[in-house]
N, C-alpha and C. Protein backbone atom coordinates (compact mmCIF):
# COMPACT_ATOMS: atom_id res chain seq x y z
N MET A 1 -65.84 59.73 36.34
CA MET A 1 -64.90 58.62 35.67
C MET A 1 -65.20 57.71 34.75
N THR A 2 -64.92 57.74 33.57
CA THR A 2 -65.20 56.62 32.74
C THR A 2 -64.22 55.32 33.03
N SER A 3 -65.17 54.30 33.34
CA SER A 3 -64.62 53.02 33.88
C SER A 3 -64.04 52.34 32.86
N GLY A 4 -64.29 52.36 31.70
CA GLY A 4 -63.89 51.39 30.65
C GLY A 4 -64.49 50.50 30.56
N ARG A 5 -66.09 50.31 31.26
CA ARG A 5 -66.98 49.38 30.77
C ARG A 5 -68.03 49.57 29.70
N SER A 6 -67.89 48.84 28.84
CA SER A 6 -68.68 49.19 27.63
C SER A 6 -70.37 49.51 28.11
N ASP A 7 -70.56 48.84 29.46
CA ASP A 7 -72.01 49.01 29.66
C ASP A 7 -72.16 50.19 30.70
N GLY A 8 -71.14 50.90 30.99
CA GLY A 8 -71.32 52.31 31.40
C GLY A 8 -71.23 52.17 33.22
N SER A 9 -70.79 50.64 33.47
CA SER A 9 -71.07 50.54 34.95
C SER A 9 -69.72 51.06 35.51
N PRO A 10 -69.77 51.21 36.77
CA PRO A 10 -68.63 51.54 37.36
C PRO A 10 -67.34 50.39 37.36
N PRO A 11 -66.01 50.38 37.95
CA PRO A 11 -65.25 49.48 38.20
C PRO A 11 -65.65 48.87 39.08
N PRO A 12 -65.35 47.44 39.15
CA PRO A 12 -65.30 46.63 40.18
C PRO A 12 -64.85 46.84 41.86
N ASP A 13 -65.15 47.04 42.78
CA ASP A 13 -64.40 47.34 43.78
C ASP A 13 -63.51 46.11 44.51
N SER A 14 -62.48 46.47 45.01
CA SER A 14 -61.36 45.52 45.78
C SER A 14 -61.78 44.91 47.11
N GLY A 15 -63.09 45.77 47.46
CA GLY A 15 -63.31 45.09 48.74
C GLY A 15 -63.04 46.40 49.83
N GLY A 16 -61.73 47.08 49.59
CA GLY A 16 -61.15 47.72 50.61
C GLY A 16 -61.71 49.08 50.04
N GLY A 17 -62.93 49.16 48.98
CA GLY A 17 -63.13 50.58 48.85
C GLY A 17 -62.79 51.12 47.74
N GLU A 18 -61.57 50.91 47.07
CA GLU A 18 -60.92 51.14 46.19
C GLU A 18 -61.00 50.37 44.81
N PRO A 19 -61.66 50.82 43.93
CA PRO A 19 -61.72 50.56 42.44
C PRO A 19 -60.74 49.69 42.19
N PHE A 20 -60.93 49.13 41.13
CA PHE A 20 -59.70 48.36 40.35
C PHE A 20 -60.27 48.02 39.02
N LEU A 21 -59.47 47.86 37.98
CA LEU A 21 -59.72 47.55 36.51
C LEU A 21 -59.12 46.32 36.21
N ARG A 22 -59.95 45.40 35.27
CA ARG A 22 -59.32 44.37 34.40
C ARG A 22 -58.88 44.84 33.58
N PRO A 23 -57.81 43.95 32.45
CA PRO A 23 -57.59 44.26 31.20
C PRO A 23 -58.40 44.42 30.67
N THR A 24 -59.28 43.59 30.30
CA THR A 24 -60.50 43.69 29.45
C THR A 24 -61.28 45.30 29.69
N GLN A 25 -61.22 45.60 30.65
CA GLN A 25 -61.64 46.96 30.86
C GLN A 25 -61.04 48.35 30.30
N VAL A 26 -60.01 48.09 30.67
CA VAL A 26 -58.88 49.05 30.22
C VAL A 26 -58.66 49.17 28.50
N ARG A 27 -58.62 47.74 27.72
CA ARG A 27 -58.52 47.79 26.51
C ARG A 27 -60.09 48.32 25.72
N THR A 28 -60.86 48.21 26.30
CA THR A 28 -62.31 48.83 25.76
C THR A 28 -62.65 49.77 26.44
N ALA A 29 -61.85 50.64 27.09
CA ALA A 29 -62.13 52.05 27.55
C ALA A 29 -62.75 53.21 26.66
N THR A 30 -63.68 53.65 27.06
CA THR A 30 -64.19 54.62 26.31
C THR A 30 -64.09 55.92 26.83
N PHE A 31 -64.01 56.71 25.91
CA PHE A 31 -64.73 58.44 27.09
C PHE A 31 -64.77 58.97 25.88
N ARG A 32 -65.59 60.46 26.49
CA ARG A 32 -66.52 61.30 26.00
C ARG A 32 -65.32 62.32 25.05
N THR A 33 -65.83 62.49 23.84
CA THR A 33 -65.13 63.27 22.90
C THR A 33 -65.57 64.90 23.28
N VAL A 34 -64.62 65.65 23.49
CA VAL A 34 -64.83 67.11 23.32
C VAL A 34 -63.88 67.75 22.33
N ARG A 35 -64.16 69.37 22.16
CA ARG A 35 -63.62 69.87 21.14
C ARG A 35 -62.29 69.87 20.63
N LYS A 36 -61.36 69.58 22.04
CA LYS A 36 -60.11 69.62 21.80
C LYS A 36 -59.64 68.93 23.29
N GLY A 37 -59.00 67.43 22.55
CA GLY A 37 -58.80 66.55 23.54
C GLY A 37 -57.67 65.57 23.18
N TYR A 38 -57.46 64.88 24.01
CA TYR A 38 -56.37 64.05 23.89
C TYR A 38 -56.31 62.80 22.53
N SER A 39 -55.48 62.51 21.64
CA SER A 39 -55.60 61.85 20.58
C SER A 39 -55.97 60.33 21.08
N PRO A 40 -56.94 60.26 20.39
CA PRO A 40 -57.98 58.55 20.78
C PRO A 40 -57.04 57.41 20.57
N ASP A 41 -56.12 57.84 19.37
CA ASP A 41 -54.97 56.75 18.86
C ASP A 41 -53.88 56.36 19.84
N GLN A 42 -53.47 57.87 20.18
CA GLN A 42 -52.21 57.50 21.09
C GLN A 42 -52.98 57.26 22.43
N VAL A 43 -54.03 57.50 23.14
CA VAL A 43 -54.66 56.95 24.23
C VAL A 43 -54.43 55.39 23.98
N HIS A 44 -55.43 54.77 23.10
CA HIS A 44 -55.40 53.43 23.08
C HIS A 44 -54.45 52.60 22.93
N GLN A 45 -53.44 53.46 22.33
CA GLN A 45 -51.84 52.48 22.71
C GLN A 45 -51.57 52.48 23.75
N VAL A 46 -51.31 53.74 24.64
CA VAL A 46 -50.61 53.37 25.79
C VAL A 46 -51.89 52.48 26.77
N LEU A 47 -53.33 52.39 26.35
CA LEU A 47 -54.01 51.70 27.18
C LEU A 47 -53.89 49.97 27.07
N HIS A 48 -53.51 49.82 25.90
CA HIS A 48 -53.74 48.52 25.29
C HIS A 48 -51.95 48.05 26.05
N ILE A 49 -51.25 48.72 26.33
CA ILE A 49 -49.97 48.33 26.63
C ILE A 49 -50.10 48.29 28.05
N ALA A 50 -50.59 48.94 28.91
CA ALA A 50 -51.14 48.90 30.20
C ALA A 50 -52.03 47.54 30.55
N ALA A 51 -52.90 47.51 29.66
CA ALA A 51 -53.73 45.91 30.16
C ALA A 51 -52.88 45.07 29.93
N ASP A 52 -52.03 44.64 28.80
CA ASP A 52 -51.14 43.77 29.06
C ASP A 52 -50.47 43.49 30.08
N ALA A 53 -49.78 44.69 30.56
CA ALA A 53 -49.50 44.57 31.63
C ALA A 53 -50.11 44.04 32.88
N LEU A 54 -51.56 44.99 33.35
CA LEU A 54 -52.08 44.46 34.31
C LEU A 54 -52.69 42.54 34.24
N ALA A 55 -52.71 42.30 33.12
CA ALA A 55 -52.29 40.67 32.70
C ALA A 55 -51.27 39.97 33.11
N GLY A 56 -50.15 40.81 32.98
CA GLY A 56 -48.95 39.79 33.43
C GLY A 56 -48.72 39.43 32.20
N ARG A 57 -48.65 40.07 31.13
CA ARG A 57 -47.91 39.45 29.89
C ARG A 57 -46.51 40.21 29.69
N ILE A 58 -46.93 41.63 29.86
CA ILE A 58 -45.62 42.17 29.80
C ILE A 58 -45.19 42.48 30.94
N LYS A 59 -43.84 43.50 31.31
CA LYS A 59 -43.60 44.23 32.24
C LYS A 59 -43.28 45.63 31.89
N PHE A 60 -44.23 46.59 32.70
CA PHE A 60 -44.33 48.27 31.92
C PHE A 60 -44.29 48.59 33.39
N HIS A 61 -43.57 50.06 33.37
CA HIS A 61 -43.38 50.82 34.69
C HIS A 61 -44.12 51.22 34.81
N PRO A 62 -44.68 51.56 35.67
CA PRO A 62 -46.04 52.46 36.52
C PRO A 62 -45.66 53.90 35.95
N ASP A 63 -44.38 54.31 35.88
CA ASP A 63 -43.81 55.84 35.89
C ASP A 63 -44.36 55.65 34.22
N HIS A 64 -44.52 54.85 33.50
CA HIS A 64 -44.93 54.93 32.12
C HIS A 64 -45.91 55.59 31.82
N VAL A 65 -47.13 55.27 32.76
CA VAL A 65 -48.57 55.69 32.69
C VAL A 65 -48.52 56.87 33.06
N ARG A 66 -47.88 57.32 33.81
CA ARG A 66 -47.69 58.52 34.96
C ARG A 66 -47.14 59.83 33.79
N THR A 67 -46.30 59.29 32.78
CA THR A 67 -45.38 59.99 32.40
C THR A 67 -45.93 60.43 30.63
N ALA A 68 -47.07 59.41 30.32
CA ALA A 68 -47.33 59.48 28.80
C ALA A 68 -48.11 60.79 28.75
N VAL A 69 -47.30 60.87 27.45
CA VAL A 69 -47.62 62.58 26.92
C VAL A 69 -48.84 62.48 25.61
N PHE A 70 -49.78 62.59 25.41
CA PHE A 70 -50.58 62.30 24.27
C PHE A 70 -50.83 64.29 23.80
N LYS A 71 -51.08 63.90 22.27
CA LYS A 71 -51.07 64.94 21.36
C LYS A 71 -52.85 65.41 21.84
N VAL A 72 -52.97 66.87 21.52
CA VAL A 72 -54.13 67.73 21.93
C VAL A 72 -54.88 67.62 20.30
N VAL A 73 -56.01 67.25 20.06
CA VAL A 73 -56.73 67.06 18.57
C VAL A 73 -58.13 67.72 18.77
N PRO A 74 -58.61 67.98 17.66
CA PRO A 74 -59.93 68.26 17.62
C PRO A 74 -60.95 67.03 17.91
N ASN A 75 -62.02 67.24 18.64
CA ASN A 75 -62.82 65.92 18.99
C ASN A 75 -62.03 64.76 19.41
N GLY A 76 -61.18 65.09 20.41
CA GLY A 76 -60.30 64.41 21.20
C GLY A 76 -60.85 63.65 22.50
N TYR A 77 -60.28 62.81 23.01
CA TYR A 77 -60.62 62.45 24.41
C TYR A 77 -60.66 63.27 25.58
N ASP A 78 -61.81 63.56 26.51
CA ASP A 78 -61.54 64.66 27.52
C ASP A 78 -60.58 64.05 28.43
N GLN A 79 -59.82 65.21 28.68
CA GLN A 79 -58.66 65.10 29.42
C GLN A 79 -58.63 64.67 30.80
N LYS A 80 -59.83 64.89 31.44
CA LYS A 80 -59.88 64.83 32.79
C LYS A 80 -60.03 63.15 32.83
N GLN A 81 -61.17 62.60 32.10
CA GLN A 81 -61.56 61.50 32.41
C GLN A 81 -60.31 60.32 31.90
N VAL A 82 -59.63 60.81 30.65
CA VAL A 82 -58.36 59.73 30.25
C VAL A 82 -57.59 59.83 31.56
N ASP A 83 -57.04 61.29 32.31
CA ASP A 83 -56.43 61.12 33.29
C ASP A 83 -56.71 60.38 34.65
N GLU A 84 -57.86 60.67 34.66
CA GLU A 84 -58.39 59.78 36.26
C GLU A 84 -58.23 58.17 35.93
N LEU A 85 -58.50 57.95 34.54
CA LEU A 85 -58.38 56.30 34.20
C LEU A 85 -56.58 56.08 34.54
N LEU A 86 -56.02 57.09 33.80
CA LEU A 86 -54.46 56.33 34.15
C LEU A 86 -54.18 56.57 35.54
N ALA A 87 -54.58 57.67 36.46
CA ALA A 87 -54.00 57.66 37.46
C ALA A 87 -54.63 56.32 38.43
N LEU A 88 -55.61 55.55 38.11
CA LEU A 88 -56.08 54.45 38.67
C LEU A 88 -55.25 53.39 38.30
N LEU A 89 -54.84 53.06 36.97
CA LEU A 89 -53.89 52.33 36.37
C LEU A 89 -52.91 52.37 37.07
N GLU A 90 -51.87 53.45 37.03
CA GLU A 90 -50.63 53.92 37.65
C GLU A 90 -50.54 53.33 39.04
N HIS A 91 -51.52 53.36 39.70
CA HIS A 91 -51.64 52.91 41.16
C HIS A 91 -51.43 51.43 41.27
N GLN A 92 -52.48 50.74 40.43
CA GLN A 92 -52.85 49.47 40.70
C GLN A 92 -51.39 49.08 39.73
N LEU A 93 -50.90 49.32 38.78
CA LEU A 93 -49.54 48.97 38.74
C LEU A 93 -48.63 48.63 39.41
N ARG A 94 -48.62 50.02 40.30
CA ARG A 94 -47.13 49.94 41.14
C ARG A 94 -47.56 49.45 42.50
N ASN A 95 -48.63 49.00 42.70
CA ASN A 95 -49.00 48.08 43.86
C ASN A 95 -49.20 46.85 43.60
N GLY A 96 -48.73 46.41 42.10
CA GLY A 96 -49.38 45.00 41.94
C GLY A 96 -50.56 44.39 42.20
N ILE A 97 -51.54 45.35 42.01
CA ILE A 97 -53.12 44.67 42.36
C ILE A 97 -53.30 43.83 41.02
N VAL A 98 -53.48 42.80 41.37
CA VAL A 98 -54.26 41.72 40.14
C VAL A 98 -55.49 41.51 40.33
N PRO A 99 -56.48 42.40 39.75
CA PRO A 99 -57.78 42.05 39.69
C PRO A 99 -58.46 40.50 40.06
N PRO A 100 -59.57 39.85 40.53
CA PRO A 100 -59.97 39.06 40.25
C PRO A 100 -60.82 38.85 38.65
N THR A 101 -60.99 37.88 38.30
CA THR A 101 -61.65 37.80 37.07
C THR A 101 -62.98 37.59 36.91
N GLY A 102 -63.50 36.65 38.26
CA GLY A 102 -64.56 36.29 38.32
C GLY A 102 -65.23 34.96 37.60
N ILE A 103 -63.70 34.37 37.24
CA ILE A 103 -64.13 32.82 36.37
C ILE A 103 -63.17 32.21 36.97
N GLU A 104 -63.26 31.91 38.16
CA GLU A 104 -62.27 31.32 39.09
C GLU A 104 -62.47 29.42 38.83
N THR A 105 -63.48 29.13 38.45
CA THR A 105 -64.20 27.77 38.26
C THR A 105 -64.73 27.33 36.67
N GLY A 106 -64.50 25.99 36.58
CA GLY A 106 -64.72 25.46 35.03
C GLY A 106 -66.44 26.00 35.13
N GLU A 107 -67.00 25.76 36.10
CA GLU A 107 -68.51 26.14 36.02
C GLU A 107 -68.96 27.66 35.61
N LYS A 108 -68.23 28.31 36.21
CA LYS A 108 -68.86 29.76 36.18
C LYS A 108 -68.27 30.51 34.31
N LEU A 109 -67.04 29.83 33.94
CA LEU A 109 -66.43 30.06 32.79
C LEU A 109 -67.73 29.48 31.88
N LEU A 110 -68.44 28.46 31.95
CA LEU A 110 -69.26 27.63 31.09
C LEU A 110 -70.45 28.38 31.34
N ALA A 111 -70.90 29.28 32.37
CA ALA A 111 -72.20 29.86 32.55
C ALA A 111 -71.86 31.19 31.67
N VAL A 112 -70.70 31.48 31.39
CA VAL A 112 -70.96 33.07 30.57
C VAL A 112 -71.40 32.71 29.07
N LYS A 113 -72.63 33.73 29.16
CA LYS A 113 -73.31 33.73 27.92
C LYS A 113 -72.50 34.61 26.47
N ILE A 114 -72.11 34.16 25.64
CA ILE A 114 -71.35 34.71 24.52
C ILE A 114 -72.28 35.36 23.60
N PRO A 115 -72.51 36.76 23.46
CA PRO A 115 -73.40 37.08 22.28
C PRO A 115 -73.13 36.57 20.92
N ARG A 116 -73.83 36.44 19.74
CA ARG A 116 -73.83 35.82 18.69
C ARG A 116 -73.86 37.02 17.71
N GLY A 117 -72.83 36.83 16.66
CA GLY A 117 -73.30 37.86 15.75
C GLY A 117 -72.91 37.18 14.11
N ALA A 118 -73.24 37.98 12.95
CA ALA A 118 -73.06 37.28 11.98
C ALA A 118 -71.88 36.92 11.44
N ASN A 119 -70.91 37.87 11.61
CA ASN A 119 -69.55 37.51 11.27
C ASN A 119 -68.73 37.22 12.85
N GLY A 120 -68.44 36.10 13.02
CA GLY A 120 -67.69 35.97 14.09
C GLY A 120 -66.80 34.50 14.37
N TYR A 121 -66.52 34.13 15.51
CA TYR A 121 -65.51 32.80 15.55
C TYR A 121 -66.49 31.80 15.73
N ASP A 122 -65.94 30.79 15.05
CA ASP A 122 -66.90 29.46 14.87
C ASP A 122 -67.20 29.03 16.05
N ARG A 123 -68.65 28.88 16.18
CA ARG A 123 -68.81 28.31 17.67
C ARG A 123 -68.72 26.93 18.48
N GLY A 124 -68.63 25.90 17.29
CA GLY A 124 -68.04 25.01 17.65
C GLY A 124 -66.43 24.87 18.23
N GLU A 125 -65.49 25.68 17.78
CA GLU A 125 -64.03 25.90 17.74
C GLU A 125 -64.15 26.28 19.22
N VAL A 126 -64.74 27.30 19.13
CA VAL A 126 -64.72 28.25 20.44
C VAL A 126 -65.36 27.27 21.95
N ASP A 127 -66.57 26.54 21.78
CA ASP A 127 -66.92 26.08 22.68
C ASP A 127 -66.02 24.70 23.25
N ALA A 128 -65.25 24.11 22.35
CA ALA A 128 -64.71 23.13 22.55
C ALA A 128 -63.34 23.64 23.24
N PHE A 129 -62.46 25.01 22.86
CA PHE A 129 -61.71 25.38 23.52
C PHE A 129 -62.15 25.65 24.98
N LEU A 130 -63.44 26.53 25.20
CA LEU A 130 -63.73 27.15 26.39
C LEU A 130 -64.18 25.53 27.38
N ALA A 131 -64.51 24.53 26.65
CA ALA A 131 -64.49 23.15 27.90
C ALA A 131 -63.37 22.77 28.18
N ARG A 132 -62.43 22.67 27.25
CA ARG A 132 -60.92 22.40 28.02
C ARG A 132 -60.10 23.55 28.65
N ALA A 133 -60.74 24.87 28.52
CA ALA A 133 -60.39 25.84 30.04
C ALA A 133 -61.06 25.61 30.95
N ALA A 134 -62.24 24.90 30.82
CA ALA A 134 -63.10 24.79 32.19
C ALA A 134 -62.80 23.69 33.01
N ALA A 135 -62.30 22.56 32.10
CA ALA A 135 -61.21 21.51 32.98
C ALA A 135 -60.25 22.11 33.67
N ASN A 136 -59.53 22.91 32.94
CA ASN A 136 -58.22 23.49 33.25
C ASN A 136 -58.32 24.20 34.87
N LEU A 137 -59.21 24.91 34.79
CA LEU A 137 -59.62 25.94 35.76
C LEU A 137 -60.02 24.91 37.13
N ASP A 138 -60.53 23.78 36.58
CA ASP A 138 -61.00 22.59 37.90
C ASP A 138 -59.93 21.73 38.12
N GLY A 139 -58.62 22.11 37.51
CA GLY A 139 -57.68 21.18 37.94
C GLY A 139 -57.52 20.01 37.06
N ARG A 140 -58.10 19.90 36.04
CA ARG A 140 -57.96 18.88 35.11
C ARG A 140 -57.54 19.11 33.52
N GLY A 141 -56.44 19.39 34.02
CA GLY A 141 -55.42 19.95 32.33
C GLY A 141 -54.20 20.70 32.75
N LYS A 142 -53.22 21.37 31.51
CA LYS A 142 -52.37 21.77 32.09
C LYS A 142 -52.46 23.09 30.98
N MET A 143 -53.30 23.74 30.54
CA MET A 143 -53.34 24.52 29.92
C MET A 143 -52.73 25.90 30.25
N THR A 144 -51.75 26.58 29.84
CA THR A 144 -51.24 27.74 30.22
C THR A 144 -51.69 29.17 29.54
N ALA A 145 -51.24 30.27 30.05
CA ALA A 145 -51.69 31.64 29.92
C ALA A 145 -51.26 31.85 28.31
N ASN A 146 -50.11 31.39 28.18
CA ASN A 146 -49.93 31.63 26.54
C ASN A 146 -50.62 30.86 25.76
N GLU A 147 -51.11 29.82 25.94
CA GLU A 147 -51.86 29.21 24.97
C GLU A 147 -53.15 29.63 24.72
N VAL A 148 -53.73 30.17 26.04
CA VAL A 148 -55.14 30.98 25.62
C VAL A 148 -54.35 31.98 25.07
N ARG A 149 -53.83 32.91 25.04
CA ARG A 149 -53.01 34.23 24.31
C ARG A 149 -52.99 34.06 23.04
N ASN A 150 -52.75 32.49 22.28
CA ASN A 150 -51.92 32.38 21.32
C ASN A 150 -53.35 31.63 20.99
N SER A 151 -54.29 31.60 21.07
CA SER A 151 -55.39 30.89 20.51
C SER A 151 -55.96 31.73 19.56
N ARG A 152 -56.80 30.99 18.40
CA ARG A 152 -56.81 31.38 17.08
C ARG A 152 -58.22 30.32 16.75
N PHE A 153 -59.57 30.96 16.16
CA PHE A 153 -60.54 30.17 15.73
C PHE A 153 -60.70 30.72 14.23
N SER A 154 -61.40 29.74 13.78
CA SER A 154 -62.26 29.99 12.16
C SER A 154 -62.83 31.38 12.31
N THR A 155 -63.45 31.79 11.30
CA THR A 155 -64.58 32.93 11.49
C THR A 155 -65.68 32.19 10.50
N THR A 156 -66.75 33.07 11.02
CA THR A 156 -68.07 32.17 10.20
C THR A 156 -68.16 33.59 9.34
N SER A 157 -69.21 33.20 8.08
CA SER A 157 -69.42 34.55 6.76
C SER A 157 -71.00 34.80 7.38
N GLY A 158 -71.64 34.41 8.52
CA GLY A 158 -72.74 34.62 8.61
C GLY A 158 -73.90 34.25 7.57
N LEU A 159 -73.79 33.60 6.84
CA LEU A 159 -74.74 33.19 5.62
C LEU A 159 -75.37 31.68 6.33
N MET A 160 -74.65 31.05 6.58
CA MET A 160 -75.51 30.14 6.72
C MET A 160 -75.40 29.69 8.59
N ASN A 161 -74.49 30.37 9.54
CA ASN A 161 -74.14 29.81 10.55
C ASN A 161 -73.56 31.31 11.41
N ARG A 162 -74.14 31.63 12.45
CA ARG A 162 -73.89 32.70 12.90
C ARG A 162 -72.76 32.44 14.13
N GLY A 163 -71.62 33.12 14.19
CA GLY A 163 -70.57 32.39 15.37
C GLY A 163 -70.56 33.77 16.42
N TYR A 164 -69.89 33.43 17.42
CA TYR A 164 -69.74 34.35 18.64
C TYR A 164 -69.28 35.65 18.29
N GLN A 165 -69.73 36.66 18.74
CA GLN A 165 -69.26 38.11 18.67
C GLN A 165 -67.48 37.91 19.05
N VAL A 166 -66.35 38.43 17.96
CA VAL A 166 -65.18 38.29 18.31
C VAL A 166 -64.95 39.42 19.58
N ARG A 167 -65.14 40.38 19.84
CA ARG A 167 -64.66 40.97 20.99
C ARG A 167 -65.22 40.39 22.29
N ALA A 168 -66.38 40.02 22.33
CA ALA A 168 -67.13 39.18 23.53
C ALA A 168 -66.10 38.02 23.77
N VAL A 169 -65.64 37.21 22.73
CA VAL A 169 -64.71 36.02 23.06
C VAL A 169 -63.41 36.46 23.23
N ASP A 170 -62.89 37.67 22.59
CA ASP A 170 -61.62 37.91 23.04
C ASP A 170 -61.39 38.67 24.43
N ALA A 171 -62.68 39.24 24.86
CA ALA A 171 -62.48 39.92 26.40
C ALA A 171 -62.57 38.62 27.06
N LEU A 172 -63.36 37.65 27.26
CA LEU A 172 -63.49 36.37 27.99
C LEU A 172 -61.93 35.32 27.65
N LEU A 173 -61.22 35.19 26.97
CA LEU A 173 -59.88 34.95 26.59
C LEU A 173 -59.02 35.67 27.29
N ASP A 174 -59.10 37.39 27.52
CA ASP A 174 -58.24 37.99 28.12
C ASP A 174 -58.30 37.58 29.92
N ASP A 175 -59.54 37.29 30.21
CA ASP A 175 -60.13 37.21 31.75
C ASP A 175 -59.57 35.50 31.68
N ILE A 176 -59.55 34.49 30.83
CA ILE A 176 -59.20 33.16 31.10
C ILE A 176 -57.35 33.28 31.35
N GLU A 177 -57.10 34.14 30.40
CA GLU A 177 -55.01 34.60 30.49
C GLU A 177 -54.99 34.23 31.61
N GLN A 178 -55.51 35.99 32.35
CA GLN A 178 -55.72 36.51 33.55
C GLN A 178 -55.30 35.58 34.51
N GLU A 179 -56.58 34.52 34.54
CA GLU A 179 -56.49 33.73 35.43
C GLU A 179 -55.61 33.01 35.71
N LEU A 180 -55.20 32.60 34.62
CA LEU A 180 -54.28 31.46 34.69
C LEU A 180 -52.77 32.08 35.02
N ARG A 181 -52.54 33.41 34.46
CA ARG A 181 -51.62 34.05 35.02
C ARG A 181 -51.36 34.08 36.24
N PHE A 182 -52.75 34.79 36.97
CA PHE A 182 -52.67 34.71 38.33
C PHE A 182 -52.11 33.41 39.06
N ARG A 183 -52.28 32.16 38.42
CA ARG A 183 -52.38 30.65 39.17
C ARG A 183 -50.99 30.39 38.85
N GLY A 184 -50.22 31.39 38.27
CA GLY A 184 -48.88 30.68 38.06
C GLY A 184 -48.68 30.06 36.55
N ARG A 185 -49.62 30.09 36.18
CA ARG A 185 -49.50 28.97 34.25
C ARG A 185 -49.14 29.78 33.31
């Protein structure tokens, strides 16, 4: 099964031997392509909605995951891998499993190393936002999950200043948002 982790590692374990997925893993899931498989665009549409549901952003009935139908196309996603991930997602949504983010304190958040890229988010803006989020995680602030979701940053051109990689920052924001939703904020 493909876990959705870009590094190829398996999904985290819930402690009871059962793996669970974080919204970021679902959003960035990758699958082997095969001669005839599921339409990648259609698969990613469902996965993005399911990831939002896992993060608590929207209500999404688990039956929608189970009954998802994808067009079979040349060079599509391996059907077995997609079906396995969808089964895990359905189970997680049906049972209300909210996976931990691993960033339950400001110290852990600030310890995250964000890779830099030629075109990315302005490091100063991101660092200031993360400092506020870290203080909030430690009980010093009133940041909400919606504030994290709606945060925007300027981008850099890369000519004079390398920014933070957009995907890495967005994944970190997903985790912060999920942690705040988990805390009822």
